[in-house]
Amino acid sequence: MPNNKSAKKRVRQDAKKRLLNRTKSSAVRTAMRRVREAATEGDEKALEAAVSHAYKRIDKAAKTNVLHANTAARRKALVARQAAAGKSA
């Protein structure tokens, strides 16, 4: 437990940031899942929208350091591969 005022404040700040980070990383996972689902359904319009949304979420997570830049690049590449597979199928 924190013993002084600044440590107590840091605990409060960390709790807020942890919640925001979990929300952002969850949004990335959800967006990637929607790309997979759209790719398996074969609906190109839904797939394009899902890919665009996934890119947006991944980029925002990387910008705010929720994801490392290289991790974001890998995930965007994965989304692109899944989208290409969905279009060809």
N, C-alpha and C. Protein backbone atom coordinates (compact mmCIF):
# COMPACT_ATOMS: atom_id res chain seq x y z
N MET A 1 0.83 -1.19 0.00
CA MET A 1 0.00 0.00 0.00
C MET A 1 0.87 1.25 0.00
N PRO A 2 0.37 2.31 -0.67
CA PRO A 2 1.15 3.55 -0.71
C PRO A 2 1.20 4.22 0.66
N ASN A 3 2.34 4.81 0.95
CA ASN A 3 2.54 5.41 2.28
C ASN A 3 2.50 6.94 2.27
N ASN A 4 2.66 7.54 1.13
CA ASN A 4 2.61 9.00 1.11
C ASN A 4 1.64 9.50 0.04
N LYS A 5 1.42 10.78 0.04
CA LYS A 5 0.39 11.40 -0.81
C LYS A 5 0.66 11.17 -2.30
N SER A 6 1.91 11.35 -2.70
CA SER A 6 2.23 11.21 -4.12
C SER A 6 2.09 9.75 -4.57
N ALA A 7 2.41 8.81 -3.69
CA ALA A 7 2.26 7.40 -4.05
C ALA A 7 0.79 7.04 -4.18
N LYS A 8 -0.05 7.61 -3.33
CA LYS A 8 -1.49 7.36 -3.42
C LYS A 8 -2.05 7.90 -4.74
N LYS A 9 -1.56 9.08 -5.11
CA LYS A 9 -2.00 9.68 -6.38
C LYS A 9 -1.55 8.82 -7.55
N ARG A 10 -0.33 8.32 -7.49
CA ARG A 10 0.19 7.47 -8.56
C ARG A 10 -0.65 6.20 -8.70
N VAL A 11 -1.11 5.63 -7.61
CA VAL A 11 -1.96 4.44 -7.64
C VAL A 11 -3.27 4.78 -8.36
N ARG A 12 -3.84 5.95 -8.03
CA ARG A 12 -5.09 6.36 -8.69
C ARG A 12 -4.87 6.56 -10.20
N GLN A 13 -3.78 7.21 -10.56
CA GLN A 13 -3.47 7.46 -11.97
C GLN A 13 -3.26 6.15 -12.72
N ASP A 14 -2.53 5.23 -12.08
CA ASP A 14 -2.26 3.95 -12.72
C ASP A 14 -3.54 3.16 -12.97
N ALA A 15 -4.48 3.24 -12.03
CA ALA A 15 -5.74 2.53 -12.20
C ALA A 15 -6.51 3.07 -13.40
N LYS A 16 -6.51 4.40 -13.56
CA LYS A 16 -7.20 5.01 -14.70
C LYS A 16 -6.53 4.60 -16.02
N LYS A 17 -5.21 4.67 -16.03
CA LYS A 17 -4.49 4.33 -17.26
C LYS A 17 -4.64 2.86 -17.62
N ARG A 18 -4.64 2.00 -16.60
CA ARG A 18 -4.81 0.57 -16.85
C ARG A 18 -6.17 0.30 -17.50
N LEU A 19 -7.21 0.98 -17.01
CA LEU A 19 -8.54 0.82 -17.59
C LEU A 19 -8.57 1.27 -19.05
N LEU A 20 -7.96 2.43 -19.32
CA LEU A 20 -7.93 2.93 -20.70
C LEU A 20 -7.13 2.00 -21.61
N ASN A 21 -5.99 1.52 -21.11
CA ASN A 21 -5.17 0.62 -21.92
C ASN A 21 -5.89 -0.69 -22.22
N ARG A 22 -6.59 -1.23 -21.22
CA ARG A 22 -7.35 -2.47 -21.43
C ARG A 22 -8.46 -2.25 -22.44
N THR A 23 -9.11 -1.09 -22.39
CA THR A 23 -10.17 -0.77 -23.33
C THR A 23 -9.62 -0.71 -24.75
N LYS A 24 -8.48 -0.05 -24.91
CA LYS A 24 -7.90 0.10 -26.24
C LYS A 24 -7.42 -1.24 -26.80
N SER A 25 -6.78 -2.06 -25.97
CA SER A 25 -6.30 -3.34 -26.48
C SER A 25 -7.47 -4.28 -26.76
N SER A 26 -8.54 -4.16 -26.00
CA SER A 26 -9.74 -4.95 -26.27
C SER A 26 -10.36 -4.53 -27.59
N ALA A 27 -10.38 -3.23 -27.86
CA ALA A 27 -10.93 -2.72 -29.11
C ALA A 27 -10.12 -3.24 -30.30
N VAL A 28 -8.80 -3.34 -30.13
CA VAL A 28 -7.95 -3.88 -31.21
C VAL A 28 -8.32 -5.34 -31.47
N ARG A 29 -8.44 -6.13 -30.39
CA ARG A 29 -8.78 -7.55 -30.55
C ARG A 29 -10.16 -7.73 -31.20
N THR A 30 -11.11 -6.91 -30.79
CA THR A 30 -12.45 -6.99 -31.36
C THR A 30 -12.43 -6.63 -32.85
N ALA A 31 -11.71 -5.58 -33.19
CA ALA A 31 -11.62 -5.17 -34.60
C ALA A 31 -10.98 -6.27 -35.44
N MET A 32 -9.95 -6.92 -34.91
CA MET A 32 -9.31 -8.00 -35.65
C MET A 32 -10.25 -9.20 -35.79
N ARG A 33 -11.03 -9.47 -34.77
CA ARG A 33 -12.00 -10.57 -34.84
C ARG A 33 -13.05 -10.27 -35.90
N ARG A 34 -13.48 -9.02 -36.00
CA ARG A 34 -14.49 -8.65 -37.01
C ARG A 34 -13.94 -8.79 -38.43
N VAL A 35 -12.65 -8.54 -38.59
CA VAL A 35 -12.02 -8.74 -39.91
C VAL A 35 -12.07 -10.22 -40.25
N ARG A 36 -11.69 -11.09 -39.29
CA ARG A 36 -11.73 -12.54 -39.53
C ARG A 36 -13.14 -12.99 -39.90
N GLU A 37 -14.13 -12.49 -39.16
CA GLU A 37 -15.51 -12.90 -39.43
C GLU A 37 -15.97 -12.43 -40.81
N ALA A 38 -15.65 -11.20 -41.16
CA ALA A 38 -16.03 -10.67 -42.47
C ALA A 38 -15.32 -11.43 -43.58
N ALA A 39 -14.09 -11.84 -43.34
CA ALA A 39 -13.33 -12.58 -44.36
C ALA A 39 -13.95 -13.96 -44.59
N THR A 40 -14.41 -14.61 -43.54
CA THR A 40 -15.01 -15.93 -43.70
C THR A 40 -16.40 -15.84 -44.33
N GLU A 41 -17.12 -14.75 -44.06
CA GLU A 41 -18.45 -14.58 -44.66
C GLU A 41 -18.36 -14.28 -46.15
N GLY A 42 -17.31 -13.55 -46.55
CA GLY A 42 -17.12 -13.24 -47.95
C GLY A 42 -17.79 -11.96 -48.40
N ASP A 43 -18.31 -11.16 -47.48
CA ASP A 43 -18.94 -9.89 -47.81
C ASP A 43 -17.86 -8.83 -47.96
N GLU A 44 -17.60 -8.43 -49.23
CA GLU A 44 -16.47 -7.54 -49.48
C GLU A 44 -16.66 -6.15 -48.88
N LYS A 45 -17.88 -5.66 -48.91
CA LYS A 45 -18.13 -4.32 -48.36
C LYS A 45 -17.89 -4.31 -46.85
N ALA A 46 -18.39 -5.32 -46.17
CA ALA A 46 -18.19 -5.43 -44.73
C ALA A 46 -16.71 -5.65 -44.41
N LEU A 47 -16.03 -6.39 -45.27
CA LEU A 47 -14.61 -6.66 -45.07
C LEU A 47 -13.80 -5.37 -45.17
N GLU A 48 -14.09 -4.56 -46.18
CA GLU A 48 -13.38 -3.29 -46.34
C GLU A 48 -13.58 -2.39 -45.13
N ALA A 49 -14.82 -2.32 -44.65
CA ALA A 49 -15.11 -1.49 -43.48
C ALA A 49 -14.40 -2.02 -42.24
N ALA A 50 -14.39 -3.34 -42.09
CA ALA A 50 -13.74 -3.95 -40.93
C ALA A 50 -12.23 -3.73 -40.96
N VAL A 51 -11.63 -3.84 -42.14
CA VAL A 51 -10.19 -3.63 -42.27
C VAL A 51 -9.83 -2.18 -41.94
N SER A 52 -10.61 -1.25 -42.45
CA SER A 52 -10.37 0.16 -42.18
C SER A 52 -10.47 0.45 -40.68
N HIS A 53 -11.49 -0.11 -40.05
CA HIS A 53 -11.69 0.09 -38.61
C HIS A 53 -10.55 -0.54 -37.81
N ALA A 54 -10.12 -1.73 -38.22
CA ALA A 54 -9.03 -2.41 -37.53
C ALA A 54 -7.74 -1.60 -37.64
N TYR A 55 -7.43 -1.09 -38.83
CA TYR A 55 -6.24 -0.26 -39.00
C TYR A 55 -6.29 0.95 -38.08
N LYS A 56 -7.46 1.57 -38.01
CA LYS A 56 -7.62 2.76 -37.18
C LYS A 56 -7.36 2.44 -35.71
N ARG A 57 -7.95 1.34 -35.24
CA ARG A 57 -7.77 0.96 -33.84
C ARG A 57 -6.32 0.59 -33.54
N ILE A 58 -5.69 -0.14 -34.44
CA ILE A 58 -4.29 -0.55 -34.24
C ILE A 58 -3.39 0.68 -34.22
N ASP A 59 -3.60 1.61 -35.15
CA ASP A 59 -2.77 2.81 -35.20
C ASP A 59 -2.94 3.67 -33.94
N LYS A 60 -4.17 3.78 -33.46
CA LYS A 60 -4.39 4.56 -32.24
C LYS A 60 -3.74 3.90 -31.03
N ALA A 61 -3.81 2.59 -30.97
CA ALA A 61 -3.18 1.88 -29.85
C ALA A 61 -1.66 2.06 -29.90
N ALA A 62 -1.09 2.04 -31.09
CA ALA A 62 0.36 2.22 -31.21
C ALA A 62 0.75 3.65 -30.88
N LYS A 63 -0.07 4.59 -31.29
CA LYS A 63 0.23 6.00 -31.04
C LYS A 63 0.27 6.31 -29.55
N THR A 64 -0.59 5.66 -28.78
CA THR A 64 -0.65 5.92 -27.34
C THR A 64 0.17 4.90 -26.54
N ASN A 65 1.03 4.16 -27.21
CA ASN A 65 1.94 3.19 -26.58
C ASN A 65 1.23 2.05 -25.87
N VAL A 66 0.01 1.75 -26.27
CA VAL A 66 -0.64 0.55 -25.76
C VAL A 66 -0.02 -0.66 -26.46
N LEU A 67 0.28 -0.50 -27.75
CA LEU A 67 0.99 -1.51 -28.53
C LEU A 67 2.34 -0.94 -28.95
N HIS A 68 3.34 -1.80 -28.98
CA HIS A 68 4.63 -1.41 -29.54
C HIS A 68 4.47 -1.22 -31.04
N ALA A 69 5.26 -0.36 -31.63
CA ALA A 69 5.14 -0.05 -33.05
C ALA A 69 5.30 -1.30 -33.92
N ASN A 70 6.25 -2.17 -33.57
CA ASN A 70 6.45 -3.38 -34.37
C ASN A 70 5.27 -4.34 -34.22
N THR A 71 4.69 -4.41 -33.03
CA THR A 71 3.52 -5.25 -32.82
C THR A 71 2.36 -4.73 -33.66
N ALA A 72 2.20 -3.42 -33.69
CA ALA A 72 1.14 -2.83 -34.51
C ALA A 72 1.35 -3.16 -35.99
N ALA A 73 2.59 -3.09 -36.44
CA ALA A 73 2.88 -3.40 -37.84
C ALA A 73 2.57 -4.86 -38.15
N ARG A 74 2.92 -5.76 -37.22
CA ARG A 74 2.62 -7.18 -37.42
C ARG A 74 1.11 -7.41 -37.49
N ARG A 75 0.39 -6.76 -36.61
CA ARG A 75 -1.07 -6.96 -36.59
C ARG A 75 -1.73 -6.39 -37.83
N LYS A 76 -1.23 -5.26 -38.32
CA LYS A 76 -1.78 -4.71 -39.56
C LYS A 76 -1.48 -5.63 -40.74
N ALA A 77 -0.29 -6.24 -40.74
CA ALA A 77 0.05 -7.18 -41.80
C ALA A 77 -0.85 -8.41 -41.73
N LEU A 78 -1.14 -8.87 -40.53
CA LEU A 78 -2.03 -10.01 -40.35
C LEU A 78 -3.43 -9.68 -40.86
N VAL A 79 -3.92 -8.50 -40.54
CA VAL A 79 -5.24 -8.06 -41.02
C VAL A 79 -5.24 -8.01 -42.54
N ALA A 80 -4.17 -7.51 -43.13
CA ALA A 80 -4.08 -7.42 -44.58
C ALA A 80 -4.10 -8.81 -45.22
N ARG A 81 -3.37 -9.77 -44.61
CA ARG A 81 -3.37 -11.13 -45.15
C ARG A 81 -4.75 -11.76 -45.06
N GLN A 82 -5.41 -11.55 -43.93
CA GLN A 82 -6.75 -12.11 -43.76
C GLN A 82 -7.73 -11.49 -44.75
N ALA A 83 -7.59 -10.18 -44.98
CA ALA A 83 -8.47 -9.51 -45.94
C ALA A 83 -8.23 -10.03 -47.36
N ALA A 84 -6.96 -10.22 -47.71
CA ALA A 84 -6.66 -10.74 -49.05
C ALA A 84 -7.20 -12.15 -49.23
N ALA A 85 -7.09 -12.96 -48.18
CA ALA A 85 -7.63 -14.31 -48.24
C ALA A 85 -9.15 -14.29 -48.34
N GLY A 86 -9.78 -13.34 -47.66
CA GLY A 86 -11.22 -13.22 -47.69
C GLY A 86 -11.73 -12.78 -49.05
N LYS A 87 -10.97 -11.90 -49.72
CA LYS A 87 -11.38 -11.42 -51.04
C LYS A 87 -11.22 -12.50 -52.09
N SER A 88 -10.17 -13.31 -51.98
CA SER A 88 -9.93 -14.34 -52.98
C SER A 88 -10.86 -15.54 -52.78
N ALA A 89 -11.34 -15.72 -51.56
CA ALA A 89 -12.21 -16.89 -51.28
C ALA A 89 -13.62 -16.67 -51.75
